Amino acid sequence: MAIRRGRARTENGATAAWAAATSAMADGTDRQDEMIQLSCHTGPDGLIVVAIDGDLDLATADRTVRYVCDIIDRHDAPISADLSGLAFCDACGLGALIRIARHAEQAGRRLEFTKPSRSVARIMRITGVDDRLLVPALAGLGAGGSDHAAGRG
């Protein structure tokens, strides 16, 4: 069962995702497949498209970084990471996206994160990494509309 928006807090104040991640580590089960889905295909124009769907957080960050970095290492073509199915992204998830971007840069590969949901674009904007992670048109998501529509206010 994937944990979505409106995360419940446990008795000690930790998020349910953190509790699930530590529980998965403690009992040796792998619940990551339920929380994040990763896939890759080549578009008709030769662009490699990686889809990141689900929750990108403590429980799924390392697996996501390994998967996307492996794609970067195996392909010379430009890569687009489609974030349209990313329902939740916390600080660990944002750190994972930054690690992926750094890996692509160091490998000399072109990587673009595309189609973030409003909530994911908002956390990127609030933390100031939108200019680094998103293509210019997406970094200003909602810039032409009202502040409320852009998630501010």
Protein backbone atom coordinates (compact mmCIF):
# COMPACT_ATOMS: atom_id res chain seq x y z
CA MET A 1 0.00 0.00 0.00
CA ALA A 2 1.52 3.31 -1.06
CA ILE A 3 1.39 6.22 1.34
CA ARG A 4 -0.02 9.31 -0.31
CA ARG A 5 -0.82 12.92 0.48
CA GLY A 6 -2.12 13.76 3.91
CA ARG A 7 0.46 11.59 5.63
CA ALA A 8 -0.57 10.33 9.01
CA ARG A 9 1.71 10.92 11.95
CA THR A 10 2.70 8.10 14.27
CA GLU A 11 2.63 8.48 18.06
CA ASN A 12 6.21 9.72 18.20
CA GLY A 13 5.61 12.31 15.45
CA ALA A 14 7.37 10.45 12.62
CA THR A 15 5.63 10.21 9.29
CA ALA A 16 4.04 6.95 8.29
CA ALA A 17 6.51 6.71 5.38
CA TRP A 18 9.47 6.87 7.76
CA ALA A 19 7.84 4.25 9.97
CA ALA A 20 7.24 2.00 6.94
CA ALA A 21 10.83 2.45 5.77
CA THR A 22 12.32 1.59 9.14
CA SER A 23 9.93 -1.33 9.50
CA ALA A 24 10.94 -2.63 6.07
CA MET A 25 14.60 -2.35 7.02
CA ALA A 26 14.02 -4.08 10.37
CA ASP A 27 12.12 -7.11 9.09
CA GLY A 28 13.98 -7.45 5.80
CA THR A 29 10.92 -7.03 3.58
CA ASP A 30 11.05 -4.79 0.55
CA ARG A 31 8.02 -2.51 0.37
CA GLN A 32 9.68 -0.13 -2.07
CA ASP A 33 7.93 -1.74 -5.05
CA GLU A 34 4.61 -0.74 -3.55
CA MET A 35 5.68 2.85 -2.93
CA ILE A 36 7.50 3.72 -6.15
CA GLN A 37 7.30 2.46 -9.69
CA LEU A 38 10.19 3.08 -12.07
CA SER A 39 10.10 2.41 -15.79
CA CYS A 40 12.02 3.36 -18.91
CA HIS A 41 11.25 3.46 -22.62
CA THR A 42 12.70 5.04 -25.73
CA GLY A 43 10.47 7.56 -27.46
CA PRO A 44 10.05 7.74 -31.24
CA ASP A 45 12.55 10.63 -31.34
CA GLY A 46 15.22 8.57 -29.53
CA LEU A 47 14.69 10.36 -26.22
CA ILE A 48 15.02 8.02 -23.24
CA VAL A 49 12.03 8.57 -20.92
CA VAL A 50 12.21 7.43 -17.31
CA ALA A 51 8.91 7.51 -15.42
CA ILE A 52 9.03 7.97 -11.65
CA ASP A 53 5.62 7.22 -10.12
CA GLY A 54 4.50 7.04 -6.50
CA ASP A 55 6.24 8.41 -3.41
CA LEU A 56 9.84 9.58 -3.50
CA ASP A 57 10.98 9.63 0.12
CA LEU A 58 13.32 7.96 2.61
CA ALA A 59 12.09 4.49 1.71
CA THR A 60 12.51 4.87 -2.05
CA ALA A 61 15.23 7.48 -2.64
CA ASP A 62 18.26 5.18 -2.91
CA ARG A 63 16.50 2.70 -5.19
CA THR A 64 15.37 5.54 -7.45
CA VAL A 65 18.86 7.03 -7.63
CA ARG A 66 20.38 3.64 -8.52
CA TYR A 67 17.76 2.98 -11.21
CA VAL A 68 17.99 6.36 -12.96
CA CYS A 69 21.79 6.57 -12.67
CA ASP A 70 22.03 3.12 -14.28
CA ILE A 71 19.89 4.39 -17.18
CA ILE A 72 22.15 7.45 -17.49
CA ASP A 73 25.25 5.23 -17.55
CA ARG A 74 23.84 2.86 -20.19
CA HIS A 75 22.56 5.41 -22.72
CA ASP A 76 24.18 8.21 -24.70
CA ALA A 77 20.85 9.74 -25.69
CA PRO A 78 19.23 12.63 -23.81
CA ILE A 79 17.09 11.50 -20.88
CA SER A 80 13.78 12.88 -19.69
CA ALA A 81 12.62 11.97 -16.19
CA ASP A 82 8.83 12.21 -16.20
CA LEU A 83 7.59 13.25 -12.74
CA SER A 84 3.89 13.40 -13.63
CA GLY A 85 3.15 10.28 -11.58
CA LEU A 86 5.12 11.44 -8.56
CA ALA A 87 2.45 11.88 -5.90
CA PHE A 88 4.75 12.82 -3.04
CA CYS A 89 8.31 14.07 -2.67
CA ASP A 90 9.91 14.94 0.66
CA ALA A 91 13.40 16.25 1.48
CA CYS A 92 14.96 12.81 0.95
CA GLY A 93 13.22 12.56 -2.42
CA LEU A 94 14.38 16.01 -3.41
CA GLY A 95 17.90 15.01 -2.41
CA ALA A 96 17.57 11.95 -4.66
CA LEU A 97 16.63 14.15 -7.64
CA ILE A 98 19.63 16.39 -6.93
CA ARG A 99 21.94 13.34 -6.77
CA ILE A 100 20.55 12.11 -10.09
CA ALA A 101 21.06 15.53 -11.72
CA ARG A 102 24.64 15.68 -10.41
CA HIS A 103 25.35 12.18 -11.74
CA ALA A 104 24.07 13.12 -15.20
CA GLU A 105 26.14 16.30 -15.16
CA GLN A 106 29.29 14.43 -14.16
CA ALA A 107 28.63 11.83 -16.87
CA GLY A 108 28.17 14.58 -19.46
CA ARG A 109 24.59 13.51 -20.21
CA ARG A 110 21.60 15.75 -20.83
CA LEU A 111 18.85 15.11 -18.28
CA GLU A 112 15.59 16.98 -17.86
CA PHE A 113 12.99 16.50 -15.14
CA THR A 114 9.59 17.12 -16.71
CA LYS A 115 5.90 17.30 -15.84
CA PRO A 116 6.09 17.72 -12.06
CA SER A 117 2.81 17.94 -10.19
CA ARG A 118 2.05 21.29 -8.55
CA SER A 119 3.06 19.92 -5.15
CA VAL A 120 6.40 18.63 -6.43
CA ALA A 121 7.09 21.85 -8.36
CA ARG A 122 6.19 23.79 -5.22
CA ILE A 123 8.66 21.97 -2.97
CA MET A 124 11.32 22.53 -5.62
CA ARG A 125 10.49 26.23 -5.76
CA ILE A 126 10.36 26.64 -1.96
CA THR A 127 13.76 24.99 -1.55
CA GLY A 128 15.25 26.92 -4.46
CA VAL A 129 16.23 23.93 -6.60
CA ASP A 130 13.65 24.43 -9.33
CA ASP A 131 16.07 26.45 -11.47
CA ARG A 132 18.59 23.61 -11.31
CA LEU A 133 16.24 20.66 -11.71
CA LEU A 134 13.49 21.83 -14.05
CA VAL A 135 13.59 22.98 -17.64
CA PRO A 136 13.18 26.78 -17.70
CA ALA A 137 9.51 26.73 -18.73
CA LEU A 138 8.66 24.44 -15.80
CA ALA A 139 10.80 26.25 -13.24
CA GLY A 140 8.39 29.17 -13.51
CA LEU A 141 5.32 26.92 -13.33
CA GLY A 142 2.39 29.17 -12.66
CA ALA A 143 4.50 32.34 -13.00
CA GLY A 144 2.04 33.79 -15.49
CA GLY A 145 -0.97 33.05 -13.31
CA SER A 146 -2.06 34.21 -9.90
CA ASP A 147 -0.02 33.48 -6.81
CA HIS A 148 -2.77 31.23 -5.52
CA ALA A 149 -2.80 29.19 -8.72
CA ALA A 150 0.96 28.77 -8.50
CA GLY A 151 0.66 27.34 -5.00
CA ARG A 152 1.68 30.54 -3.21
CA GLY A 153 -0.65 32.30 -0.89
